[in-house]
Amino acid sequence: MAKIIVGGFSTSYVEGLYNEKQYYVYEPKRNGLTNKELRSNRICNIKYILNSTTLLEKNIKSKNFLKVNKDYFSGIKIKQLDTILESILND
């Protein structure tokens, strides 16, 4: 299993939370999100949103990754997802 995860705000973000991995948010400008959109997010501080490989490398080396409250999503603890996912898969 990977030690770190690099990606945008996507399923890999939730995967990083669920598996308690270091998550580095990488949103290069070519992905199309504006600075205004990035600043308006409620999940993390803009300082954790990296838009260049140079910043990404620097943050990985210094272990400056996104740390988020695991109970952020509607008060559901990330580990409770096991029960939710099992019930969906067993239907």
PDB file of N, CA and C in Angstrom:
ATOM      1  N   MET A   1       0.850  -1.180   0.000  1.00  0.00           N
ATOM      2  CA  MET A   1       0.000   0.000   0.000  1.00  0.00           C
ATOM      3  C   MET A   1       0.900   1.249   0.000  1.00  0.00           C
ATOM      4  N   ALA A   2       0.448   2.288  -0.633  1.00  0.00           N
ATOM      5  CA  ALA A   2       1.201   3.535  -0.736  1.00  0.00           C
ATOM      6  C   ALA A   2       1.395   4.188   0.633  1.00  0.00           C
ATOM      7  N   LYS A   3       2.532   4.863   0.785  1.00  0.00           N
ATOM      8  CA  LYS A   3       2.804   5.592   2.031  1.00  0.00           C
ATOM      9  C   LYS A   3       2.168   6.978   2.003  1.00  0.00           C
ATOM     10  N   ILE A   4       2.118   7.559   0.813  1.00  0.00           N
ATOM     11  CA  ILE A   4       1.508   8.881   0.644  1.00  0.00           C
ATOM     12  C   ILE A   4       0.565   8.833  -0.544  1.00  0.00           C
ATOM     13  N   ILE A   5      -0.328   9.814  -0.609  1.00  0.00           N
ATOM     14  CA  ILE A   5      -1.237   9.941  -1.742  1.00  0.00           C
ATOM     15  C   ILE A   5      -1.164  11.374  -2.236  1.00  0.00           C
ATOM     16  N   VAL A   6      -1.064  11.533  -3.558  1.00  0.00           N
ATOM     17  CA  VAL A   6      -1.038  12.845  -4.197  1.00  0.00           C
ATOM     18  C   VAL A   6      -2.218  12.913  -5.151  1.00  0.00           C
ATOM     19  N   GLY A   7      -3.001  13.986  -5.054  1.00  0.00           N
ATOM     20  CA  GLY A   7      -4.122  14.131  -5.964  1.00  0.00           C
ATOM     21  C   GLY A   7      -4.934  15.359  -5.656  1.00  0.00           C
ATOM     22  N   GLY A   8      -5.964  15.569  -6.418  1.00  0.00           N
ATOM     23  CA  GLY A   8      -6.861  16.696  -6.215  1.00  0.00           C
ATOM     24  C   GLY A   8      -7.930  16.341  -5.202  1.00  0.00           C
ATOM     25  N   PHE A   9      -8.947  17.177  -5.122  1.00  0.00           N
ATOM     26  CA  PHE A   9     -10.082  16.867  -4.264  1.00  0.00           C
ATOM     27  C   PHE A   9     -10.918  15.832  -5.002  1.00  0.00           C
ATOM     28  N   SER A  10     -10.743  14.593  -4.634  1.00  0.00           N
ATOM     29  CA  SER A  10     -11.407  13.510  -5.360  1.00  0.00           C
ATOM     30  C   SER A  10     -11.534  12.306  -4.449  1.00  0.00           C
ATOM     31  N   THR A  11     -11.868  11.192  -5.035  1.00  0.00           N
ATOM     32  CA  THR A  11     -12.000   9.958  -4.270  1.00  0.00           C
ATOM     33  C   THR A  11     -10.697   9.609  -3.564  1.00  0.00           C
ATOM     34  N   SER A  12      -9.573   9.917  -4.186  1.00  0.00           N
ATOM     35  CA  SER A  12      -8.292   9.604  -3.538  1.00  0.00           C
ATOM     36  C   SER A  12      -8.112  10.382  -2.239  1.00  0.00           C
ATOM     37  N   TYR A  13      -8.750  11.534  -2.138  1.00  0.00           N
ATOM     38  CA  TYR A  13      -8.712  12.314  -0.897  1.00  0.00           C
ATOM     39  C   TYR A  13      -9.386  11.529   0.225  1.00  0.00           C
ATOM     40  N   VAL A  14     -10.553  10.980  -0.053  1.00  0.00           N
ATOM     41  CA  VAL A  14     -11.276  10.193   0.945  1.00  0.00           C
ATOM     42  C   VAL A  14     -10.493   8.914   1.246  1.00  0.00           C
ATOM     43  N   GLU A  15      -9.895   8.327   0.230  1.00  0.00           N
ATOM     44  CA  GLU A  15      -9.080   7.129   0.437  1.00  0.00           C
ATOM     45  C   GLU A  15      -7.916   7.420   1.389  1.00  0.00           C
ATOM     46  N   GLY A  16      -7.292   8.571   1.210  1.00  0.00           N
ATOM     47  CA  GLY A  16      -6.207   8.969   2.104  1.00  0.00           C
ATOM     48  C   GLY A  16      -6.673   9.126   3.537  1.00  0.00           C
ATOM     49  N   LEU A  17      -7.822   9.740   3.720  1.00  0.00           N
ATOM     50  CA  LEU A  17      -8.397   9.887   5.057  1.00  0.00           C
ATOM     51  C   LEU A  17      -8.712   8.532   5.673  1.00  0.00           C
ATOM     52  N   TYR A  18      -9.379   7.721   4.908  1.00  0.00           N
ATOM     53  CA  TYR A  18      -9.836   6.428   5.394  1.00  0.00           C
ATOM     54  C   TYR A  18      -8.660   5.546   5.815  1.00  0.00           C
ATOM     55  N   ASN A  19      -7.593   5.584   5.033  1.00  0.00           N
ATOM     56  CA  ASN A  19      -6.420   4.750   5.307  1.00  0.00           C
ATOM     57  C   ASN A  19      -5.356   5.470   6.128  1.00  0.00           C
ATOM     58  N   GLU A  20      -5.674   6.663   6.589  1.00  0.00           N
ATOM     59  CA  GLU A  20      -4.770   7.460   7.423  1.00  0.00           C
ATOM     60  C   GLU A  20      -3.396   7.643   6.780  1.00  0.00           C
ATOM     61  N   LYS A  21      -3.413   8.049   5.520  1.00  0.00           N
ATOM     62  CA  LYS A  21      -2.184   8.316   4.765  1.00  0.00           C
ATOM     63  C   LYS A  21      -1.976   9.816   4.630  1.00  0.00           C
ATOM     64  N   GLN A  22      -0.714  10.194   4.436  1.00  0.00           N
ATOM     65  CA  GLN A  22      -0.412  11.595   4.173  1.00  0.00           C
ATOM     66  C   GLN A  22      -1.015  11.943   2.819  1.00  0.00           C
ATOM     67  N   TYR A  23      -1.759  13.054   2.768  1.00  0.00           N
ATOM     68  CA  TYR A  23      -2.414  13.450   1.523  1.00  0.00           C
ATOM     69  C   TYR A  23      -1.911  14.822   1.089  1.00  0.00           C
ATOM     70  N   TYR A  24      -1.391  14.883  -0.121  1.00  0.00           N
ATOM     71  CA  TYR A  24      -0.888  16.119  -0.704  1.00  0.00           C
ATOM     72  C   TYR A  24      -1.834  16.526  -1.823  1.00  0.00           C
ATOM     73  N   VAL A  25      -2.433  17.697  -1.688  1.00  0.00           N
ATOM     74  CA  VAL A  25      -3.383  18.181  -2.687  1.00  0.00           C
ATOM     75  C   VAL A  25      -2.596  18.824  -3.825  1.00  0.00           C
ATOM     76  N   TYR A  26      -2.714  18.253  -5.008  1.00  0.00           N
ATOM     77  CA  TYR A  26      -2.019  18.765  -6.195  1.00  0.00           C
ATOM     78  C   TYR A  26      -3.056  19.136  -7.237  1.00  0.00           C
ATOM     79  N   GLU A  27      -3.203  20.416  -7.461  1.00  0.00           N
ATOM     80  CA  GLU A  27      -4.166  20.952  -8.430  1.00  0.00           C
ATOM     81  C   GLU A  27      -3.439  21.894  -9.387  1.00  0.00           C
ATOM     82  N   PRO A  28      -2.789  21.346 -10.417  1.00  0.00           N
ATOM     83  CA  PRO A  28      -2.105  22.234 -11.365  1.00  0.00           C
ATOM     84  C   PRO A  28      -3.107  23.125 -12.089  1.00  0.00           C
ATOM     85  N   LYS A  29      -2.647  24.266 -12.523  1.00  0.00           N
ATOM     86  CA  LYS A  29      -3.523  25.239 -13.184  1.00  0.00           C
ATOM     87  C   LYS A  29      -4.233  24.644 -14.394  1.00  0.00           C
ATOM     88  N   ARG A  30      -3.594  23.693 -15.050  1.00  0.00           N
ATOM     89  CA  ARG A  30      -4.209  23.084 -16.248  1.00  0.00           C
ATOM     90  C   ARG A  30      -5.479  22.304 -15.916  1.00  0.00           C
ATOM     91  N   ASN A  31      -5.702  22.019 -14.622  1.00  0.00           N
ATOM     92  CA  ASN A  31      -6.943  21.349 -14.226  1.00  0.00           C
ATOM     93  C   ASN A  31      -8.139  22.286 -14.311  1.00  0.00           C
ATOM     94  N   GLY A  32      -7.866  23.605 -14.401  1.00  0.00           N
ATOM     95  CA  GLY A  32      -8.932  24.559 -14.660  1.00  0.00           C
ATOM     96  C   GLY A  32      -9.560  25.248 -13.462  1.00  0.00           C
ATOM     97  N   LEU A  33      -9.148  24.894 -12.235  1.00  0.00           N
ATOM     98  CA  LEU A  33      -9.716  25.584 -11.077  1.00  0.00           C
ATOM     99  C   LEU A  33      -9.050  26.941 -10.899  1.00  0.00           C
ATOM    100  N   THR A  34      -9.859  27.954 -10.661  1.00  0.00           N
ATOM    101  CA  THR A  34      -9.321  29.300 -10.462  1.00  0.00           C
ATOM    102  C   THR A  34      -8.842  29.462  -9.018  1.00  0.00           C
ATOM    103  N   ASN A  35      -8.017  30.474  -8.777  1.00  0.00           N
ATOM    104  CA  ASN A  35      -7.569  30.758  -7.411  1.00  0.00           C
ATOM    105  C   ASN A  35      -8.757  31.053  -6.502  1.00  0.00           C
ATOM    106  N   LYS A  36      -9.767  31.728  -7.035  1.00  0.00           N
ATOM    107  CA  LYS A  36     -10.967  32.030  -6.255  1.00  0.00           C
ATOM    108  C   LYS A  36     -11.662  30.737  -5.827  1.00  0.00           C
ATOM    109  N   GLU A  37     -11.792  29.800  -6.743  1.00  0.00           N
ATOM    110  CA  GLU A  37     -12.421  28.519  -6.410  1.00  0.00           C
ATOM    111  C   GLU A  37     -11.609  27.752  -5.369  1.00  0.00           C
ATOM    112  N   LEU A  38     -10.303  27.760  -5.533  1.00  0.00           N
ATOM    113  CA  LEU A  38      -9.447  27.059  -4.581  1.00  0.00           C
ATOM    114  C   LEU A  38      -9.509  27.682  -3.187  1.00  0.00           C
ATOM    115  N   ARG A  39      -9.547  28.995  -3.127  1.00  0.00           N
ATOM    116  CA  ARG A  39      -9.629  29.686  -1.827  1.00  0.00           C
ATOM    117  C   ARG A  39     -10.986  29.496  -1.163  1.00  0.00           C
ATOM    118  N   SER A  40     -12.019  29.242  -1.947  1.00  0.00           N
ATOM    119  CA  SER A  40     -13.370  29.146  -1.389  1.00  0.00           C
ATOM    120  C   SER A  40     -13.686  27.756  -0.825  1.00  0.00           C
ATOM    121  N   ASN A  41     -12.792  26.811  -0.991  1.00  0.00           N
ATOM    122  CA  ASN A  41     -13.066  25.472  -0.467  1.00  0.00           C
ATOM    123  C   ASN A  41     -13.109  25.508   1.056  1.00  0.00           C
ATOM    124  N   ARG A  42     -13.845  24.592   1.642  1.00  0.00           N
ATOM    125  CA  ARG A  42     -13.994  24.548   3.097  1.00  0.00           C
ATOM    126  C   ARG A  42     -13.231  23.392   3.724  1.00  0.00           C
ATOM    127  N   ILE A  43     -12.550  22.631   2.920  1.00  0.00           N
ATOM    128  CA  ILE A  43     -11.855  21.452   3.431  1.00  0.00           C
ATOM    129  C   ILE A  43     -10.460  21.774   3.939  1.00  0.00           C
ATOM    130  N   CYS A  44      -9.748  22.626   3.228  1.00  0.00           N
ATOM    131  CA  CYS A  44      -8.370  22.891   3.667  1.00  0.00           C
ATOM    132  C   CYS A  44      -7.927  24.306   3.341  1.00  0.00           C
ATOM    133  N   ASN A  45      -6.901  24.701   4.033  1.00  0.00           N
ATOM    134  CA  ASN A  45      -6.270  25.995   3.832  1.00  0.00           C
ATOM    135  C   ASN A  45      -5.580  26.002   2.472  1.00  0.00           C
ATOM    136  N   ILE A  46      -5.609  27.135   1.807  1.00  0.00           N
ATOM    137  CA  ILE A  46      -5.021  27.274   0.473  1.00  0.00           C
ATOM    138  C   ILE A  46      -3.536  26.893   0.457  1.00  0.00           C
ATOM    139  N   LYS A  47      -2.852  27.003   1.600  1.00  0.00           N
ATOM    140  CA  LYS A  47      -1.422  26.697   1.636  1.00  0.00           C
ATOM    141  C   LYS A  47      -1.141  25.215   1.356  1.00  0.00           C
ATOM    142  N   TYR A  48      -2.153  24.366   1.495  1.00  0.00           N
ATOM    143  CA  TYR A  48      -1.980  22.944   1.222  1.00  0.00           C
ATOM    144  C   TYR A  48      -2.326  22.574  -0.219  1.00  0.00           C
ATOM    145  N   ILE A  49      -2.804  23.518  -0.993  1.00  0.00           N
ATOM    146  CA  ILE A  49      -3.160  23.239  -2.382  1.00  0.00           C
ATOM    147  C   ILE A  49      -1.983  23.643  -3.265  1.00  0.00           C
ATOM    148  N   LEU A  50      -1.314  22.665  -3.805  1.00  0.00           N
ATOM    149  CA  LEU A  50      -0.083  22.884  -4.556  1.00  0.00           C
ATOM    150  C   LEU A  50      -0.377  22.875  -6.052  1.00  0.00           C
ATOM    151  N   ASN A  51       0.199  23.844  -6.760  1.00  0.00           N
ATOM    152  CA  ASN A  51      -0.080  23.926  -8.200  1.00  0.00           C
ATOM    153  C   ASN A  51       1.163  23.755  -9.063  1.00  0.00           C
ATOM    154  N   SER A  52       2.270  23.344  -8.453  1.00  0.00           N
ATOM    155  CA  SER A  52       3.487  23.090  -9.232  1.00  0.00           C
ATOM    156  C   SER A  52       4.211  21.881  -8.651  1.00  0.00           C
ATOM    157  N   THR A  53       4.958  21.211  -9.513  1.00  0.00           N
ATOM    158  CA  THR A  53       5.707  20.043  -9.049  1.00  0.00           C
ATOM    159  C   THR A  53       6.819  20.456  -8.084  1.00  0.00           C
ATOM    160  N   THR A  54       7.328  21.674  -8.226  1.00  0.00           N
ATOM    161  CA  THR A  54       8.358  22.164  -7.308  1.00  0.00           C
ATOM    162  C   THR A  54       7.808  22.260  -5.889  1.00  0.00           C
ATOM    163  N   LEU A  55       6.613  22.866  -5.747  1.00  0.00           N
ATOM    164  CA  LEU A  55       5.986  22.960  -4.419  1.00  0.00           C
ATOM    165  C   LEU A  55       5.610  21.576  -3.888  1.00  0.00           C
ATOM    166  N   LEU A  56       5.145  20.708  -4.775  1.00  0.00           N
ATOM    167  CA  LEU A  56       4.786  19.360  -4.368  1.00  0.00           C
ATOM    168  C   LEU A  56       6.009  18.639  -3.793  1.00  0.00           C
ATOM    169  N   GLU A  57       7.120  18.706  -4.497  1.00  0.00           N
ATOM    170  CA  GLU A  57       8.355  18.064  -4.033  1.00  0.00           C
ATOM    171  C   GLU A  57       8.798  18.636  -2.685  1.00  0.00           C
ATOM    172  N   LYS A  58       8.745  19.959  -2.563  1.00  0.00           N
ATOM    173  CA  LYS A  58       9.144  20.623  -1.317  1.00  0.00           C
ATOM    174  C   LYS A  58       8.264  20.150  -0.150  1.00  0.00           C
ATOM    175  N   ASN A  59       6.961  20.097  -0.355  1.00  0.00           N
ATOM    176  CA  ASN A  59       6.050  19.694   0.716  1.00  0.00           C
ATOM    177  C   ASN A  59       6.204  18.221   1.084  1.00  0.00           C
ATOM    178  N   ILE A  60       6.459  17.372   0.107  1.00  0.00           N
ATOM    179  CA  ILE A  60       6.670  15.952   0.410  1.00  0.00           C
ATOM    180  C   ILE A  60       7.936  15.782   1.243  1.00  0.00           C
ATOM    181  N   LYS A  61       9.001  16.460   0.836  1.00  0.00           N
ATOM    182  CA  LYS A  61      10.262  16.350   1.580  1.00  0.00           C
ATOM    183  C   LYS A  61      10.126  16.866   3.006  1.00  0.00           C
ATOM    184  N   SER A  62       9.335  17.921   3.206  1.00  0.00           N
ATOM    185  CA  SER A  62       9.171  18.496   4.547  1.00  0.00           C
ATOM    186  C   SER A  62       7.964  17.906   5.299  1.00  0.00           C
ATOM    187  N   LYS A  63       7.276  16.938   4.660  1.00  0.00           N
ATOM    188  CA  LYS A  63       6.086  16.299   5.240  1.00  0.00           C
ATOM    189  C   LYS A  63       5.022  17.311   5.651  1.00  0.00           C
ATOM    190  N   ASN A  64       4.824  18.296   4.795  1.00  0.00           N
ATOM    191  CA  ASN A  64       3.811  19.328   5.000  1.00  0.00           C
ATOM    192  C   ASN A  64       2.572  18.924   4.201  1.00  0.00           C
ATOM    193  N   PHE A  65       1.741  18.086   4.808  1.00  0.00           N
ATOM    194  CA  PHE A  65       0.580  17.539   4.104  1.00  0.00           C
ATOM    195  C   PHE A  65      -0.711  17.989   4.765  1.00  0.00           C
ATOM    196  N   LEU A  66      -1.797  17.802   4.047  1.00  0.00           N
ATOM    197  CA  LEU A  66      -3.115  18.188   4.526  1.00  0.00           C
ATOM    198  C   LEU A  66      -3.531  17.312   5.694  1.00  0.00           C
ATOM    199  N   LYS A  67      -3.870  17.937   6.797  1.00  0.00           N
ATOM    200  CA  LYS A  67      -4.400  17.232   7.951  1.00  0.00           C
ATOM    201  C   LYS A  67      -5.831  17.722   8.141  1.00  0.00           C
ATOM    202  N   VAL A  68      -6.766  16.826   8.127  1.00  0.00           N
ATOM    203  CA  VAL A  68      -8.164  17.229   8.211  1.00  0.00           C
ATOM    204  C   VAL A  68      -8.843  16.449   9.324  1.00  0.00           C
ATOM    205  N   ASN A  69      -9.816  17.081   9.930  1.00  0.00           N
ATOM    206  CA  ASN A  69     -10.624  16.437  10.946  1.00  0.00           C
ATOM    207  C   ASN A  69     -11.396  15.295  10.295  1.00  0.00           C
ATOM    208  N   LYS A  70     -11.195  14.096  10.775  1.00  0.00           N
ATOM    209  CA  LYS A  70     -11.831  12.935  10.161  1.00  0.00           C
ATOM    210  C   LYS A  70     -13.336  12.928  10.329  1.00  0.00           C
ATOM    211  N   ASP A  71     -13.854  13.715  11.245  1.00  0.00           N
ATOM    212  CA  ASP A  71     -15.298  13.785  11.441  1.00  0.00           C
ATOM    213  C   ASP A  71     -15.911  14.924  10.621  1.00  0.00           C
ATOM    214  N   TYR A  72     -15.172  15.441   9.660  1.00  0.00           N
ATOM    215  CA  TYR A  72     -15.607  16.585   8.861  1.00  0.00           C
ATOM    216  C   TYR A  72     -16.893  16.306   8.098  1.00  0.00           C
ATOM    217  N   PHE A  73     -17.031  15.105   7.581  1.00  0.00           N
ATOM    218  CA  PHE A  73     -18.147  14.783   6.699  1.00  0.00           C
ATOM    219  C   PHE A  73     -19.386  14.379   7.481  1.00  0.00           C
ATOM    220  N   SER A  74     -20.271  15.314   7.706  1.00  0.00           N
ATOM    221  CA  SER A  74     -21.576  15.076   8.330  1.00  0.00           C
ATOM    222  C   SER A  74     -21.490  14.355   9.667  1.00  0.00           C
ATOM    223  N   GLY A  75     -20.403  14.523  10.370  1.00  0.00           N
ATOM    224  CA  GLY A  75     -20.278  13.910  11.685  1.00  0.00           C
ATOM    225  C   GLY A  75     -20.027  12.419  11.652  1.00  0.00           C
ATOM    226  N   ILE A  76     -19.893  11.832  10.473  1.00  0.00           N
ATOM    227  CA  ILE A  76     -19.626  10.398  10.371  1.00  0.00           C
ATOM    228  C   ILE A  76     -18.121  10.171  10.478  1.00  0.00           C
ATOM    229  N   LYS A  77     -17.729   9.304  11.389  1.00  0.00           N
ATOM    230  CA  LYS A  77     -16.317   8.974  11.504  1.00  0.00           C
ATOM    231  C   LYS A  77     -15.918   8.135  10.292  1.00  0.00           C
ATOM    232  N   ILE A  78     -14.741   8.398   9.789  1.00  0.00           N
ATOM    233  CA  ILE A  78     -14.277   7.712   8.586  1.00  0.00           C
ATOM    234  C   ILE A  78     -14.328   6.200   8.763  1.00  0.00           C
ATOM    235  N   LYS A  79     -13.942   5.688   9.907  1.00  0.00           N
ATOM    236  CA  LYS A  79     -13.949   4.240  10.130  1.00  0.00           C
ATOM    237  C   LYS A  79     -15.364   3.665  10.091  1.00  0.00           C
ATOM    238  N   GLN A  80     -16.379   4.497  10.315  1.00  0.00           N
ATOM    239  CA  GLN A  80     -17.761   4.016  10.224  1.00  0.00           C
ATOM    240  C   GLN A  80     -18.148   3.707   8.781  1.00  0.00           C
ATOM    241  N   LEU A  81     -17.341   4.153   7.848  1.00  0.00           N
ATOM    242  CA  LEU A  81     -17.635   3.861   6.440  1.00  0.00           C
ATOM    243  C   LEU A  81     -17.618   2.363   6.167  1.00  0.00           C
ATOM    244  N   ASP A  82     -16.841   1.591   6.941  1.00  0.00           N
ATOM    245  CA  ASP A  82     -16.834   0.136   6.759  1.00  0.00           C
ATOM    246  C   ASP A  82     -18.249  -0.414   6.807  1.00  0.00           C
ATOM    247  N   THR A  83     -18.992  -0.033   7.831  1.00  0.00           N
ATOM    248  CA  THR A  83     -20.349  -0.522   8.014  1.00  0.00           C
ATOM    249  C   THR A  83     -21.250  -0.082   6.863  1.00  0.00           C
ATOM    250  N   ILE A  84     -21.127   1.183   6.486  1.00  0.00           N
ATOM    251  CA  ILE A  84     -21.940   1.730   5.395  1.00  0.00           C
ATOM    252  C   ILE A  84     -21.630   1.011   4.083  1.00  0.00           C
ATOM    253  N   LEU A  85     -20.343   0.864   3.775  1.00  0.00           N
ATOM    254  CA  LEU A  85     -19.937   0.222   2.518  1.00  0.00           C
ATOM    255  C   LEU A  85     -20.334  -1.247   2.494  1.00  0.00           C
ATOM    256  N   GLU A  86     -20.175  -1.941   3.620  1.00  0.00           N
ATOM    257  CA  GLU A  86     -20.567  -3.345   3.673  1.00  0.00           C
ATOM    258  C   GLU A  86     -22.059  -3.520   3.416  1.00  0.00           C
ATOM    259  N   SER A  87     -22.877  -2.622   3.990  1.00  0.00           N
ATOM    260  CA  SER A  87     -24.317  -2.742   3.779  1.00  0.00           C
ATOM    261  C   SER A  87     -24.695  -2.495   2.319  1.00  0.00           C
ATOM    262  N   ILE A  88     -23.994  -1.590   1.661  1.00  0.00           N
ATOM    263  CA  ILE A  88     -24.253  -1.316   0.247  1.00  0.00           C
ATOM    264  C   ILE A  88     -23.848  -2.512  -0.607  1.00  0.00           C
ATOM    265  N   LEU A  89     -22.655  -3.044  -0.334  1.00  0.00           N
ATOM    266  CA  LEU A  89     -22.139  -4.163  -1.137  1.00  0.00           C
ATOM    267  C   LEU A  89     -22.914  -5.451  -0.917  1.00  0.00           C
ATOM    268  N   ASN A  90     -23.525  -5.605   0.249  1.00  0.00           N
ATOM    269  CA  ASN A  90     -24.260  -6.828   0.538  1.00  0.00           C
ATOM    270  C   ASN A  90     -25.714  -6.780   0.085  1.00  0.00           C
ATOM    271  N   ASP A  91     -26.174  -5.649  -0.449  1.00  0.00           N
ATOM    272  CA  ASP A  91     -27.553  -5.542  -0.944  1.00  0.00           C
ATOM    273  C   ASP A  91     -27.718  -6.259  -2.260  1.00  0.00           C
TER     274      ASP A  91
END
